[in-house]
Amino acid sequence: MSDKINENLNLEEIEEEEEVIVLMDENTGAEVEFTLLAMLEVDGKTYAYLEPIEEVEGFEEGDLLINRVEFDENGEELYYPIDDDDEIDRAFEAFDELYAKQYGMHCDGTPVED
């Protein structure tokens, strides 16, 4: 998985793989499937950028779930929600920058200014 922690990542490569991540909804206890769009390192922390596969309450089309990823002693990925708004903003900005490089527009559809 460490090959995906890279700012030179091609988003299309991950989309072709369509790695599925299953997380538990803290409110309902139900398992929810997400597609891994990217995994990036920002300020020394690893973040997973996830999009729900099926409709999820509270998510609108195009919404992302960003989780901090840590690794246990066996190298297994552990996904943690982020409570700090500044941390979420920094993580999202890194994804938006990568998206803009890849597609020539920001995640919200606005064009990249030269």
N, C-alpha and C. Protein backbone atom coordinates (compact mmCIF):
# COMPACT_ATOMS: atom_id res chain seq x y z
N MET A 1 0.81 -1.19 0.00
CA MET A 1 0.00 0.00 0.00
C MET A 1 0.86 1.25 0.00
N SER A 2 2.09 1.17 0.46
CA SER A 2 2.92 2.35 0.55
C SER A 2 3.19 2.97 -0.82
N ASP A 3 3.02 2.22 -1.92
CA ASP A 3 3.23 2.80 -3.24
C ASP A 3 2.15 3.82 -3.57
N LYS A 4 1.06 3.87 -2.82
CA LYS A 4 0.02 4.84 -3.06
C LYS A 4 0.22 6.12 -2.25
N ILE A 5 1.16 6.12 -1.34
CA ILE A 5 1.43 7.30 -0.54
C ILE A 5 2.48 8.10 -1.29
N ASN A 6 2.00 8.89 -2.25
CA ASN A 6 2.90 9.52 -3.18
C ASN A 6 2.16 10.66 -3.87
N GLU A 7 2.74 11.86 -3.87
CA GLU A 7 2.07 12.99 -4.49
C GLU A 7 2.09 12.89 -6.02
N ASN A 8 2.89 12.05 -6.59
CA ASN A 8 2.92 11.89 -8.04
C ASN A 8 1.92 10.84 -8.48
N LEU A 9 1.05 10.47 -7.59
CA LEU A 9 0.07 9.43 -7.83
C LEU A 9 -0.86 9.81 -8.98
N ASN A 10 -1.18 8.85 -9.80
CA ASN A 10 -2.14 9.04 -10.87
C ASN A 10 -3.48 8.54 -10.37
N LEU A 11 -4.45 9.45 -10.22
CA LEU A 11 -5.75 9.06 -9.67
C LEU A 11 -6.42 8.00 -10.52
N GLU A 12 -6.21 8.02 -11.83
CA GLU A 12 -6.83 7.02 -12.69
C GLU A 12 -6.34 5.62 -12.36
N GLU A 13 -5.08 5.50 -11.92
CA GLU A 13 -4.54 4.19 -11.57
C GLU A 13 -5.31 3.60 -10.40
N ILE A 14 -5.61 4.40 -9.40
CA ILE A 14 -6.36 3.91 -8.24
C ILE A 14 -7.78 3.60 -8.66
N GLU A 15 -8.39 4.47 -9.46
CA GLU A 15 -9.77 4.25 -9.89
C GLU A 15 -9.90 2.94 -10.64
N GLU A 16 -8.88 2.56 -11.40
CA GLU A 16 -8.93 1.29 -12.12
C GLU A 16 -8.88 0.12 -11.15
N GLU A 17 -8.14 0.26 -10.06
CA GLU A 17 -8.03 -0.81 -9.08
C GLU A 17 -9.30 -0.93 -8.26
N GLU A 18 -9.96 0.18 -7.99
CA GLU A 18 -11.17 0.24 -7.19
C GLU A 18 -11.05 -0.59 -5.92
N GLU A 19 -10.09 -0.23 -5.11
CA GLU A 19 -9.92 -0.90 -3.82
C GLU A 19 -11.10 -0.52 -2.93
N VAL A 20 -11.73 -1.51 -2.34
CA VAL A 20 -12.89 -1.30 -1.49
C VAL A 20 -12.44 -1.37 -0.02
N ILE A 21 -12.86 -0.36 0.73
CA ILE A 21 -12.58 -0.29 2.16
C ILE A 21 -13.92 -0.39 2.88
N VAL A 22 -14.03 -1.26 3.86
CA VAL A 22 -15.27 -1.42 4.62
C VAL A 22 -15.05 -0.83 6.00
N LEU A 23 -15.90 0.15 6.34
CA LEU A 23 -15.84 0.79 7.65
C LEU A 23 -17.17 0.60 8.36
N MET A 24 -17.15 0.69 9.67
CA MET A 24 -18.38 0.56 10.45
C MET A 24 -18.94 1.95 10.75
N ASP A 25 -20.23 2.12 10.50
CA ASP A 25 -20.92 3.37 10.84
C ASP A 25 -21.02 3.43 12.37
N GLU A 26 -20.44 4.48 12.95
CA GLU A 26 -20.42 4.59 14.42
C GLU A 26 -21.81 4.70 15.01
N ASN A 27 -22.75 5.27 14.25
CA ASN A 27 -24.11 5.48 14.77
C ASN A 27 -24.96 4.23 14.69
N THR A 28 -24.86 3.49 13.60
CA THR A 28 -25.75 2.35 13.39
C THR A 28 -25.06 1.00 13.58
N GLY A 29 -23.75 0.98 13.52
CA GLY A 29 -23.01 -0.27 13.60
C GLY A 29 -22.98 -1.04 12.29
N ALA A 30 -23.64 -0.48 11.26
CA ALA A 30 -23.68 -1.14 9.95
C ALA A 30 -22.35 -0.95 9.23
N GLU A 31 -22.00 -1.95 8.42
CA GLU A 31 -20.80 -1.84 7.59
C GLU A 31 -21.13 -1.03 6.34
N VAL A 32 -20.22 -0.11 5.98
CA VAL A 32 -20.40 0.74 4.82
C VAL A 32 -19.18 0.56 3.93
N GLU A 33 -19.42 0.34 2.63
CA GLU A 33 -18.32 0.15 1.68
C GLU A 33 -17.98 1.47 1.00
N PHE A 34 -16.67 1.70 0.90
CA PHE A 34 -16.15 2.90 0.25
C PHE A 34 -15.13 2.49 -0.80
N THR A 35 -15.02 3.30 -1.84
CA THR A 35 -13.96 3.15 -2.82
C THR A 35 -12.81 4.04 -2.39
N LEU A 36 -11.60 3.51 -2.37
CA LEU A 36 -10.41 4.29 -2.06
C LEU A 36 -10.03 5.09 -3.29
N LEU A 37 -10.13 6.42 -3.20
CA LEU A 37 -9.77 7.28 -4.32
C LEU A 37 -8.28 7.60 -4.33
N ALA A 38 -7.72 7.76 -3.15
CA ALA A 38 -6.29 8.10 -3.04
C ALA A 38 -5.86 7.89 -1.60
N MET A 39 -4.56 7.77 -1.43
CA MET A 39 -3.96 7.75 -0.12
C MET A 39 -2.74 8.65 -0.22
N LEU A 40 -2.70 9.69 0.62
CA LEU A 40 -1.62 10.68 0.55
C LEU A 40 -1.02 10.91 1.92
N GLU A 41 0.24 11.31 1.92
CA GLU A 41 0.89 11.71 3.15
C GLU A 41 0.91 13.24 3.19
N VAL A 42 0.41 13.80 4.29
CA VAL A 42 0.35 15.25 4.48
C VAL A 42 0.88 15.54 5.88
N ASP A 43 1.88 16.39 5.96
CA ASP A 43 2.46 16.76 7.26
C ASP A 43 2.83 15.54 8.10
N GLY A 44 3.35 14.52 7.45
CA GLY A 44 3.82 13.33 8.15
C GLY A 44 2.73 12.35 8.55
N LYS A 45 1.47 12.63 8.17
CA LYS A 45 0.37 11.72 8.47
C LYS A 45 -0.20 11.19 7.16
N THR A 46 -0.72 9.97 7.20
CA THR A 46 -1.29 9.35 6.01
C THR A 46 -2.81 9.47 6.07
N TYR A 47 -3.40 9.84 4.92
CA TYR A 47 -4.85 10.02 4.83
C TYR A 47 -5.40 9.19 3.69
N ALA A 48 -6.57 8.61 3.93
CA ALA A 48 -7.30 7.88 2.90
C ALA A 48 -8.49 8.74 2.49
N TYR A 49 -8.69 8.84 1.18
CA TYR A 49 -9.78 9.63 0.60
C TYR A 49 -10.78 8.63 0.03
N LEU A 50 -11.95 8.59 0.65
CA LEU A 50 -12.92 7.54 0.39
C LEU A 50 -14.22 8.11 -0.14
N GLU A 51 -14.83 7.38 -1.07
CA GLU A 51 -16.13 7.75 -1.62
C GLU A 51 -17.08 6.58 -1.39
N PRO A 52 -18.28 6.85 -0.84
CA PRO A 52 -19.21 5.75 -0.61
C PRO A 52 -19.62 5.07 -1.91
N ILE A 53 -19.70 3.74 -1.89
CA ILE A 53 -20.10 2.99 -3.08
C ILE A 53 -21.61 3.12 -3.29
N GLU A 54 -22.35 3.01 -2.21
CA GLU A 54 -23.81 3.15 -2.28
C GLU A 54 -24.21 4.40 -1.52
N GLU A 55 -25.44 4.81 -1.66
CA GLU A 55 -25.94 5.99 -0.98
C GLU A 55 -25.81 5.81 0.53
N VAL A 56 -25.28 6.84 1.18
CA VAL A 56 -25.08 6.82 2.63
C VAL A 56 -25.75 8.07 3.20
N GLU A 57 -26.53 7.89 4.25
CA GLU A 57 -27.19 9.03 4.88
C GLU A 57 -26.15 10.05 5.32
N GLY A 58 -26.39 11.31 4.98
CA GLY A 58 -25.47 12.38 5.35
C GLY A 58 -24.44 12.70 4.27
N PHE A 59 -24.34 11.86 3.25
CA PHE A 59 -23.41 12.09 2.15
C PHE A 59 -24.19 12.50 0.92
N GLU A 60 -23.70 13.53 0.26
CA GLU A 60 -24.26 13.91 -1.03
C GLU A 60 -23.30 13.44 -2.11
N GLU A 61 -23.79 13.34 -3.34
CA GLU A 61 -22.93 12.90 -4.43
C GLU A 61 -21.70 13.80 -4.51
N GLY A 62 -20.55 13.18 -4.61
CA GLY A 62 -19.29 13.92 -4.70
C GLY A 62 -18.62 14.16 -3.36
N ASP A 63 -19.31 13.88 -2.24
CA ASP A 63 -18.70 14.04 -0.92
C ASP A 63 -17.63 12.98 -0.71
N LEU A 64 -16.59 13.37 0.01
CA LEU A 64 -15.50 12.46 0.37
C LEU A 64 -15.48 12.24 1.87
N LEU A 65 -15.06 11.07 2.27
CA LEU A 65 -14.74 10.81 3.66
C LEU A 65 -13.22 10.75 3.72
N ILE A 66 -12.65 11.55 4.60
CA ILE A 66 -11.19 11.54 4.78
C ILE A 66 -10.91 10.94 6.15
N ASN A 67 -10.13 9.88 6.18
CA ASN A 67 -9.72 9.24 7.43
C ASN A 67 -8.21 9.26 7.54
N ARG A 68 -7.73 9.41 8.77
CA ARG A 68 -6.30 9.27 9.01
C ARG A 68 -6.02 7.77 9.07
N VAL A 69 -4.93 7.37 8.47
CA VAL A 69 -4.56 5.96 8.43
C VAL A 69 -3.30 5.75 9.25
N GLU A 70 -3.36 4.79 10.13
CA GLU A 70 -2.19 4.37 10.89
C GLU A 70 -2.00 2.89 10.64
N PHE A 71 -0.83 2.41 10.92
CA PHE A 71 -0.51 1.01 10.65
C PHE A 71 -0.17 0.30 11.96
N ASP A 72 -0.74 -0.90 12.15
CA ASP A 72 -0.44 -1.65 13.36
C ASP A 72 0.89 -2.39 13.20
N GLU A 73 1.25 -3.17 14.21
CA GLU A 73 2.55 -3.86 14.21
C GLU A 73 2.68 -4.86 13.07
N ASN A 74 1.56 -5.28 12.49
CA ASN A 74 1.58 -6.22 11.36
C ASN A 74 1.50 -5.51 10.01
N GLY A 75 1.50 -4.18 10.04
CA GLY A 75 1.40 -3.42 8.80
C GLY A 75 -0.02 -3.26 8.30
N GLU A 76 -1.00 -3.69 9.09
CA GLU A 76 -2.41 -3.55 8.70
C GLU A 76 -2.84 -2.11 8.88
N GLU A 77 -3.69 -1.66 7.97
CA GLU A 77 -4.19 -0.29 8.01
C GLU A 77 -5.32 -0.17 9.01
N LEU A 78 -5.27 0.90 9.80
CA LEU A 78 -6.33 1.23 10.74
C LEU A 78 -6.83 2.62 10.36
N TYR A 79 -8.14 2.78 10.22
CA TYR A 79 -8.74 4.03 9.75
C TYR A 79 -9.38 4.76 10.93
N TYR A 80 -9.04 6.05 11.07
CA TYR A 80 -9.56 6.85 12.18
C TYR A 80 -10.23 8.11 11.65
N PRO A 81 -11.40 8.44 12.21
CA PRO A 81 -12.05 9.70 11.82
C PRO A 81 -11.21 10.88 12.30
N ILE A 82 -11.39 12.01 11.65
CA ILE A 82 -10.65 13.23 12.01
C ILE A 82 -11.64 14.22 12.61
N ASP A 83 -11.35 14.68 13.81
CA ASP A 83 -12.23 15.63 14.50
C ASP A 83 -11.78 17.07 14.33
N ASP A 84 -10.54 17.30 13.97
CA ASP A 84 -9.98 18.64 13.89
C ASP A 84 -10.23 19.24 12.50
N ASP A 85 -10.96 20.36 12.45
CA ASP A 85 -11.30 21.00 11.17
C ASP A 85 -10.06 21.45 10.39
N ASP A 86 -9.04 21.95 11.08
CA ASP A 86 -7.82 22.39 10.40
C ASP A 86 -7.11 21.21 9.75
N GLU A 87 -7.09 20.08 10.44
CA GLU A 87 -6.46 18.88 9.89
C GLU A 87 -7.22 18.40 8.65
N ILE A 88 -8.54 18.41 8.72
CA ILE A 88 -9.35 18.02 7.56
C ILE A 88 -9.09 18.96 6.39
N ASP A 89 -9.02 20.27 6.67
CA ASP A 89 -8.78 21.25 5.61
C ASP A 89 -7.43 21.00 4.93
N ARG A 90 -6.38 20.75 5.72
CA ARG A 90 -5.05 20.49 5.14
C ARG A 90 -5.07 19.22 4.30
N ALA A 91 -5.72 18.18 4.80
CA ALA A 91 -5.79 16.92 4.07
C ALA A 91 -6.58 17.10 2.77
N PHE A 92 -7.68 17.84 2.83
CA PHE A 92 -8.48 18.05 1.63
C PHE A 92 -7.73 18.90 0.60
N GLU A 93 -7.02 19.93 1.05
CA GLU A 93 -6.24 20.76 0.14
C GLU A 93 -5.22 19.94 -0.63
N ALA A 94 -4.59 18.97 0.03
CA ALA A 94 -3.61 18.11 -0.64
C ALA A 94 -4.29 17.28 -1.72
N PHE A 95 -5.48 16.75 -1.42
CA PHE A 95 -6.21 15.97 -2.42
C PHE A 95 -6.65 16.85 -3.57
N ASP A 96 -7.15 18.04 -3.27
CA ASP A 96 -7.61 18.95 -4.30
C ASP A 96 -6.45 19.36 -5.22
N GLU A 97 -5.28 19.56 -4.65
CA GLU A 97 -4.10 19.89 -5.46
C GLU A 97 -3.76 18.75 -6.42
N LEU A 98 -3.78 17.53 -5.92
CA LEU A 98 -3.51 16.37 -6.76
C LEU A 98 -4.58 16.23 -7.85
N TYR A 99 -5.83 16.41 -7.48
CA TYR A 99 -6.95 16.33 -8.42
C TYR A 99 -6.80 17.39 -9.50
N ALA A 100 -6.43 18.61 -9.11
CA ALA A 100 -6.26 19.71 -10.06
C ALA A 100 -5.14 19.40 -11.05
N LYS A 101 -4.05 18.84 -10.57
CA LYS A 101 -2.94 18.46 -11.47
C LYS A 101 -3.39 17.40 -12.46
N GLN A 102 -4.19 16.46 -11.98
CA GLN A 102 -4.63 15.33 -12.81
C GLN A 102 -5.67 15.74 -13.85
N TYR A 103 -6.65 16.56 -13.42
CA TYR A 103 -7.81 16.82 -14.27
C TYR A 103 -7.94 18.26 -14.76
N GLY A 104 -7.07 19.16 -14.31
CA GLY A 104 -7.13 20.55 -14.76
C GLY A 104 -8.25 21.35 -14.14
N MET A 105 -8.85 20.81 -13.10
CA MET A 105 -9.89 21.53 -12.36
C MET A 105 -9.86 21.07 -10.92
N HIS A 106 -10.44 21.90 -10.06
CA HIS A 106 -10.52 21.55 -8.64
C HIS A 106 -11.67 20.58 -8.41
N CYS A 107 -11.73 20.00 -7.25
CA CYS A 107 -12.77 19.03 -6.91
C CYS A 107 -14.17 19.62 -7.05
N ASP A 108 -14.30 20.93 -6.83
CA ASP A 108 -15.62 21.56 -6.94
C ASP A 108 -15.99 21.92 -8.39
N GLY A 109 -15.11 21.58 -9.34
CA GLY A 109 -15.40 21.83 -10.74
C GLY A 109 -14.86 23.14 -11.29
N THR A 110 -14.29 23.98 -10.42
CA THR A 110 -13.74 25.24 -10.91
C THR A 110 -12.41 24.99 -11.61
N PRO A 111 -12.14 25.74 -12.68
CA PRO A 111 -10.89 25.53 -13.43
C PRO A 111 -9.67 25.98 -12.64
N VAL A 112 -8.54 25.35 -12.95
CA VAL A 112 -7.27 25.73 -12.34
C VAL A 112 -6.80 27.01 -13.02
N GLU A 113 -6.46 28.00 -12.23
CA GLU A 113 -5.96 29.26 -12.79
C GLU A 113 -4.46 29.15 -12.96
N ASP A 114 -3.98 29.68 -14.07
CA ASP A 114 -2.54 29.64 -14.35
C ASP A 114 -1.80 30.70 -13.58
